């Protein structure tokens, strides 16, 4: 089984993907990390890289091909990425949602601890992070609609959707794990 985890910025995708991979003893692939690295290689922030992607499809196509290949060649892994559900259609598709302000607050809190996210050039205040989140949502919607014809934030694309606003990561994991376990038992 392949489990794809997508969702809104700051919803807890990385945390839950790590926890799920550890629980299952499976590898975890982090598409956002690959995109962040590609941005760094070009001397760009993720926000700048996404903006470039609005006119240069290569910024998305490379990681999308990587996901497709993984889905065809490997099994029993967790993959975290907004388009993973699409490029690995046989995956168990999980979407984590969050209120935009709550998600931005989580990202801001993470940035206070570490600047390793390569998020955007202006992340000194909560308001700047919220603005970046909203701009990223707009860019994501534009790119994925333009290149693939779908809305990456549409809940209909997923097998399981959970709003993580106001609940602990342990509760989020418990709910996701119960869903995954029910699917594992059916296989």
C-alpha atoms as a PDB file:
ATOM      1  CA  UNK A   1       0.000   0.000   0.000  1.00  0.00           C
ATOM      2  CA  UNK A   2       1.105   3.543  -0.752  1.00  0.00           C
ATOM      3  CA  UNK A   3      -0.221   6.356   1.422  1.00  0.00           C
ATOM      4  CA  UNK A   4      -0.215   9.866  -0.021  1.00  0.00           C
ATOM      5  CA  UNK A   5      -0.661  12.794   2.333  1.00  0.00           C
ATOM      6  CA  UNK A   6      -1.625  16.189   1.002  1.00  0.00           C
ATOM      7  CA  UNK A   7      -3.178  19.223   2.557  1.00  0.00           C
ATOM      8  CA  UNK A   8      -3.102  22.871   3.377  1.00  0.00           C
ATOM      9  CA  UNK A   9       0.014  24.720   4.528  1.00  0.00           C
ATOM     10  CA  UNK A  10       0.548  24.272   8.269  1.00  0.00           C
ATOM     11  CA  UNK A  11      -1.981  21.447   8.596  1.00  0.00           C
ATOM     12  CA  UNK A  12       0.560  19.002  10.037  1.00  0.00           C
ATOM     13  CA  UNK A  13       1.307  16.958   6.916  1.00  0.00           C
ATOM     14  CA  UNK A  14       4.998  16.491   7.697  1.00  0.00           C
ATOM     15  CA  UNK A  15       4.440  15.640  11.335  1.00  0.00           C
ATOM     16  CA  UNK A  16       1.758  13.065  10.567  1.00  0.00           C
ATOM     17  CA  UNK A  17       3.646  11.607   7.581  1.00  0.00           C
ATOM     18  CA  UNK A  18       6.710  11.080   9.795  1.00  0.00           C
ATOM     19  CA  UNK A  19       4.623   9.512  12.566  1.00  0.00           C
ATOM     20  CA  UNK A  20       2.770   7.261  10.130  1.00  0.00           C
ATOM     21  CA  UNK A  21       5.953   6.104   8.389  1.00  0.00           C
ATOM     22  CA  UNK A  22       7.529   5.340  11.771  1.00  0.00           C
ATOM     23  CA  UNK A  23       4.462   3.399  12.940  1.00  0.00           C
ATOM     24  CA  UNK A  24       4.422   1.328   9.763  1.00  0.00           C
ATOM     25  CA  UNK A  25       8.194   0.977   9.462  1.00  0.00           C
ATOM     26  CA  UNK A  26       7.987   2.319   5.901  1.00  0.00           C
ATOM     27  CA  UNK A  27      10.055   4.949   4.091  1.00  0.00           C
ATOM     28  CA  UNK A  28       8.716   8.489   3.797  1.00  0.00           C
ATOM     29  CA  UNK A  29       9.179  10.670   0.749  1.00  0.00           C
ATOM     30  CA  UNK A  30       8.802  14.438   1.156  1.00  0.00           C
ATOM     31  CA  UNK A  31       8.080  16.187  -2.141  1.00  0.00           C
ATOM     32  CA  UNK A  32       8.044  19.640  -0.533  1.00  0.00           C
ATOM     33  CA  UNK A  33      11.604  19.022   0.657  1.00  0.00           C
ATOM     34  CA  UNK A  34      12.685  18.214  -2.887  1.00  0.00           C
ATOM     35  CA  UNK A  35      11.025  21.406  -4.165  1.00  0.00           C
ATOM     36  CA  UNK A  36      12.686  23.450  -1.412  1.00  0.00           C
ATOM     37  CA  UNK A  37      16.079  21.971  -2.366  1.00  0.00           C
ATOM     38  CA  UNK A  38      15.498  22.732  -6.062  1.00  0.00           C
ATOM     39  CA  UNK A  39      14.651  26.322  -5.113  1.00  0.00           C
ATOM     40  CA  UNK A  40      17.850  26.642  -3.054  1.00  0.00           C
ATOM     41  CA  UNK A  41      19.907  25.300  -5.952  1.00  0.00           C
ATOM     42  CA  UNK A  42      18.593  28.219  -8.024  1.00  0.00           C
ATOM     43  CA  UNK A  43      19.150  30.718  -5.203  1.00  0.00           C
ATOM     44  CA  UNK A  44      15.392  31.132  -4.715  1.00  0.00           C
ATOM     45  CA  UNK A  45      12.969  30.871  -1.849  1.00  0.00           C
ATOM     46  CA  UNK A  46      10.108  28.409  -2.197  1.00  0.00           C
ATOM     47  CA  UNK A  47       7.739  31.332  -2.838  1.00  0.00           C
ATOM     48  CA  UNK A  48       9.968  32.576  -5.678  1.00  0.00           C
ATOM     49  CA  UNK A  49      10.290  29.053  -7.084  1.00  0.00           C
ATOM     50  CA  UNK A  50       6.503  28.618  -7.065  1.00  0.00           C
ATOM     51  CA  UNK A  51       6.101  31.982  -8.799  1.00  0.00           C
ATOM     52  CA  UNK A  52       8.598  30.875 -11.451  1.00  0.00           C
ATOM     53  CA  UNK A  53       6.529  27.716 -11.867  1.00  0.00           C
ATOM     54  CA  UNK A  54       3.536  29.781 -12.954  1.00  0.00           C
ATOM     55  CA  UNK A  55       5.301  30.283 -16.308  1.00  0.00           C
ATOM     56  CA  UNK A  56       7.933  27.517 -16.258  1.00  0.00           C
ATOM     57  CA  UNK A  57       6.350  24.063 -15.890  1.00  0.00           C
ATOM     58  CA  UNK A  58       9.729  22.378 -15.391  1.00  0.00           C
ATOM     59  CA  UNK A  59       9.668  23.409 -11.716  1.00  0.00           C
ATOM     60  CA  UNK A  60       6.739  21.040 -11.178  1.00  0.00           C
ATOM     61  CA  UNK A  61       7.274  18.433 -13.889  1.00  0.00           C
ATOM     62  CA  UNK A  62      10.545  17.096 -12.500  1.00  0.00           C
ATOM     63  CA  UNK A  63       9.139  16.204  -9.074  1.00  0.00           C
ATOM     64  CA  UNK A  64       5.885  15.028 -10.617  1.00  0.00           C
ATOM     65  CA  UNK A  65       7.737  12.515 -12.803  1.00  0.00           C
ATOM     66  CA  UNK A  66       9.672  11.396  -9.740  1.00  0.00           C
ATOM     67  CA  UNK A  67       6.394  10.708  -7.917  1.00  0.00           C
ATOM     68  CA  UNK A  68       4.962   8.769 -10.869  1.00  0.00           C
ATOM     69  CA  UNK A  69       8.058   6.587 -11.047  1.00  0.00           C
ATOM     70  CA  UNK A  70       7.996   5.910  -7.306  1.00  0.00           C
ATOM     71  CA  UNK A  71       4.367   4.859  -7.523  1.00  0.00           C
ATOM     72  CA  UNK A  72       5.132   2.415 -10.317  1.00  0.00           C
ATOM     73  CA  UNK A  73       8.324   0.919  -8.899  1.00  0.00           C
ATOM     74  CA  UNK A  74       7.850   0.805  -5.132  1.00  0.00           C
ATOM     75  CA  UNK A  75       5.237  -0.199  -2.594  1.00  0.00           C
ATOM     76  CA  UNK A  76       4.685   0.262   1.135  1.00  0.00           C
ATOM     77  CA  UNK A  77       5.716   3.867   1.629  1.00  0.00           C
ATOM     78  CA  UNK A  78       4.305   7.190   2.756  1.00  0.00           C
ATOM     79  CA  UNK A  79       4.595  10.127   0.383  1.00  0.00           C
ATOM     80  CA  UNK A  80       3.886  13.689   1.345  1.00  0.00           C
ATOM     81  CA  UNK A  81       3.068  16.119  -1.425  1.00  0.00           C
ATOM     82  CA  UNK A  82       0.135  18.142  -2.702  1.00  0.00           C
ATOM     83  CA  UNK A  83       0.003  16.324  -6.037  1.00  0.00           C
ATOM     84  CA  UNK A  84       0.969  12.831  -4.843  1.00  0.00           C
ATOM     85  CA  UNK A  85      -2.667  11.650  -4.890  1.00  0.00           C
ATOM     86  CA  UNK A  86      -2.832  12.528  -8.579  1.00  0.00           C
ATOM     87  CA  UNK A  87       0.471  11.029  -9.697  1.00  0.00           C
ATOM     88  CA  UNK A  88      -0.023   7.874  -7.635  1.00  0.00           C
ATOM     89  CA  UNK A  89      -3.741   7.286  -8.208  1.00  0.00           C
ATOM     90  CA  UNK A  90      -3.715   3.866  -6.542  1.00  0.00           C
ATOM     91  CA  UNK A  91      -2.505   5.390  -3.259  1.00  0.00           C
ATOM     92  CA  UNK A  92      -4.620   5.775  -0.146  1.00  0.00           C
ATOM     93  CA  UNK A  93      -5.250   9.528  -0.316  1.00  0.00           C
ATOM     94  CA  UNK A  94      -5.279  11.550   2.928  1.00  0.00           C
ATOM     95  CA  UNK A  95      -5.887  15.301   3.108  1.00  0.00           C
ATOM     96  CA  UNK A  96      -5.170  17.378   6.197  1.00  0.00           C
ATOM     97  CA  UNK A  97      -6.884  20.735   6.308  1.00  0.00           C
ATOM     98  CA  UNK A  98      -6.523  23.661   8.704  1.00  0.00           C
ATOM     99  CA  UNK A  99      -7.909  27.141   9.146  1.00  0.00           C
ATOM    100  CA  UNK A 100      -5.635  29.475   7.148  1.00  0.00           C
ATOM    101  CA  UNK A 101      -4.740  31.620  10.152  1.00  0.00           C
ATOM    102  CA  UNK A 102      -4.050  28.583  12.349  1.00  0.00           C
ATOM    103  CA  UNK A 103      -1.873  27.048   9.639  1.00  0.00           C
ATOM    104  CA  UNK A 104       0.058  30.290   9.202  1.00  0.00           C
ATOM    105  CA  UNK A 105       0.545  30.483  12.978  1.00  0.00           C
ATOM    106  CA  UNK A 106       2.007  26.956  13.020  1.00  0.00           C
ATOM    107  CA  UNK A 107       4.398  27.859  10.199  1.00  0.00           C
ATOM    108  CA  UNK A 108       5.372  31.084  11.952  1.00  0.00           C
ATOM    109  CA  UNK A 109       6.061  29.163  15.174  1.00  0.00           C
ATOM    110  CA  UNK A 110       8.227  26.683  13.243  1.00  0.00           C
ATOM    111  CA  UNK A 111      10.126  29.550  11.614  1.00  0.00           C
ATOM    112  CA  UNK A 112      10.849  31.052  15.032  1.00  0.00           C
ATOM    113  CA  UNK A 113      12.615  27.790  15.904  1.00  0.00           C
ATOM    114  CA  UNK A 114      14.411  27.329  12.573  1.00  0.00           C
ATOM    115  CA  UNK A 115      14.738  29.189   9.283  1.00  0.00           C
ATOM    116  CA  UNK A 116      15.462  25.951   7.398  1.00  0.00           C
ATOM    117  CA  UNK A 117      12.076  25.951   5.634  1.00  0.00           C
ATOM    118  CA  UNK A 118      13.292  28.346   2.890  1.00  0.00           C
ATOM    119  CA  UNK A 119       9.714  29.616   2.901  1.00  0.00           C
ATOM    120  CA  UNK A 120       9.820  33.164   1.552  1.00  0.00           C
ATOM    121  CA  UNK A 121      11.967  36.257   1.837  1.00  0.00           C
ATOM    122  CA  UNK A 122       9.737  37.984   4.399  1.00  0.00           C
ATOM    123  CA  UNK A 123       8.792  35.824   7.378  1.00  0.00           C
ATOM    124  CA  UNK A 124       9.561  38.070  10.332  1.00  0.00           C
ATOM    125  CA  UNK A 125       5.948  38.587  11.427  1.00  0.00           C
ATOM    126  CA  UNK A 126       2.827  36.476  11.583  1.00  0.00           C
ATOM    127  CA  UNK A 127       1.172  38.829   9.079  1.00  0.00           C
ATOM    128  CA  UNK A 128       3.982  38.261   6.563  1.00  0.00           C
ATOM    129  CA  UNK A 129       3.708  34.486   6.975  1.00  0.00           C
ATOM    130  CA  UNK A 130      -0.075  34.623   6.521  1.00  0.00           C
ATOM    131  CA  UNK A 131       0.382  36.720   3.375  1.00  0.00           C
ATOM    132  CA  UNK A 132       2.931  34.172   2.079  1.00  0.00           C
ATOM    133  CA  UNK A 133       0.522  31.297   2.778  1.00  0.00           C
ATOM    134  CA  UNK A 134      -2.274  33.009   0.859  1.00  0.00           C
ATOM    135  CA  UNK A 135       0.050  33.821  -2.063  1.00  0.00           C
ATOM    136  CA  UNK A 136       1.270  30.201  -2.115  1.00  0.00           C
ATOM    137  CA  UNK A 137      -2.305  28.917  -2.186  1.00  0.00           C
ATOM    138  CA  UNK A 138      -3.032  31.168  -5.173  1.00  0.00           C
ATOM    139  CA  UNK A 139       0.123  30.022  -6.951  1.00  0.00           C
ATOM    140  CA  UNK A 140      -0.599  26.342  -6.270  1.00  0.00           C
ATOM    141  CA  UNK A 141      -4.152  26.643  -7.572  1.00  0.00           C
ATOM    142  CA  UNK A 142      -2.976  28.465 -10.689  1.00  0.00           C
ATOM    143  CA  UNK A 143      -0.125  26.062 -11.519  1.00  0.00           C
ATOM    144  CA  UNK A 144      -1.982  22.810 -10.942  1.00  0.00           C
ATOM    145  CA  UNK A 145      -5.093  24.015 -12.767  1.00  0.00           C
ATOM    146  CA  UNK A 146      -2.972  25.253 -15.690  1.00  0.00           C
ATOM    147  CA  UNK A 147      -0.752  22.162 -16.002  1.00  0.00           C
ATOM    148  CA  UNK A 148      -3.078  19.362 -14.868  1.00  0.00           C
ATOM    149  CA  UNK A 149      -6.633  20.714 -14.779  1.00  0.00           C
ATOM    150  CA  UNK A 150      -7.408  20.141 -11.091  1.00  0.00           C
ATOM    151  CA  UNK A 151      -7.773  22.022  -7.826  1.00  0.00           C
ATOM    152  CA  UNK A 152      -5.247  20.502  -5.444  1.00  0.00           C
ATOM    153  CA  UNK A 153      -7.274  21.721  -2.445  1.00  0.00           C
ATOM    154  CA  UNK A 154     -10.546  20.039  -3.511  1.00  0.00           C
ATOM    155  CA  UNK A 155     -11.504  17.525  -0.819  1.00  0.00           C
ATOM    156  CA  UNK A 156     -13.239  15.304  -3.387  1.00  0.00           C
ATOM    157  CA  UNK A 157      -9.814  14.106  -4.542  1.00  0.00           C
ATOM    158  CA  UNK A 158      -9.142  12.266  -1.271  1.00  0.00           C
ATOM    159  CA  UNK A 159     -10.273   9.139   0.583  1.00  0.00           C
ATOM    160  CA  UNK A 160      -9.986  10.727   4.033  1.00  0.00           C
ATOM    161  CA  UNK A 161     -10.142  14.406   5.003  1.00  0.00           C
ATOM    162  CA  UNK A 162      -9.448  15.786   8.472  1.00  0.00           C
ATOM    163  CA  UNK A 163      -9.483  19.376   9.704  1.00  0.00           C
ATOM    164  CA  UNK A 164      -6.590  19.633  12.163  1.00  0.00           C
ATOM    165  CA  UNK A 165      -7.519  23.078  13.485  1.00  0.00           C
ATOM    166  CA  UNK A 166      -7.702  23.013  17.269  1.00  0.00           C
ATOM    167  CA  UNK A 167      -6.715  19.376  17.775  1.00  0.00           C
ATOM    168  CA  UNK A 168      -3.398  18.001  18.966  1.00  0.00           C
ATOM    169  CA  UNK A 169      -0.970  16.186  16.707  1.00  0.00           C
ATOM    170  CA  UNK A 170      -1.582  13.069  18.796  1.00  0.00           C
ATOM    171  CA  UNK A 171      -5.332  13.254  18.112  1.00  0.00           C
ATOM    172  CA  UNK A 172      -4.700  13.904  14.417  1.00  0.00           C
ATOM    173  CA  UNK A 173      -2.396  10.903  14.267  1.00  0.00           C
ATOM    174  CA  UNK A 174      -4.905   8.726  16.141  1.00  0.00           C
ATOM    175  CA  UNK A 175      -7.680   9.548  13.661  1.00  0.00           C
ATOM    176  CA  UNK A 176      -5.451   9.083  10.624  1.00  0.00           C
ATOM    177  CA  UNK A 177      -4.018   5.846  12.023  1.00  0.00           C
ATOM    178  CA  UNK A 178      -7.497   4.410  12.664  1.00  0.00           C
ATOM    179  CA  UNK A 179      -8.425   5.124   9.052  1.00  0.00           C
ATOM    180  CA  UNK A 180      -5.203   3.640   7.664  1.00  0.00           C
ATOM    181  CA  UNK A 181      -5.464   0.584   9.897  1.00  0.00           C
ATOM    182  CA  UNK A 182      -9.033  -0.049   8.701  1.00  0.00           C
ATOM    183  CA  UNK A 183      -7.770  -0.018   5.104  1.00  0.00           C
ATOM    184  CA  UNK A 184      -4.804  -2.245   5.905  1.00  0.00           C
ATOM    185  CA  UNK A 185      -7.147  -4.790   7.489  1.00  0.00           C
ATOM    186  CA  UNK A 186      -9.212  -4.908   4.275  1.00  0.00           C
ATOM    187  CA  UNK A 187      -6.157  -5.760   2.154  1.00  0.00           C
END
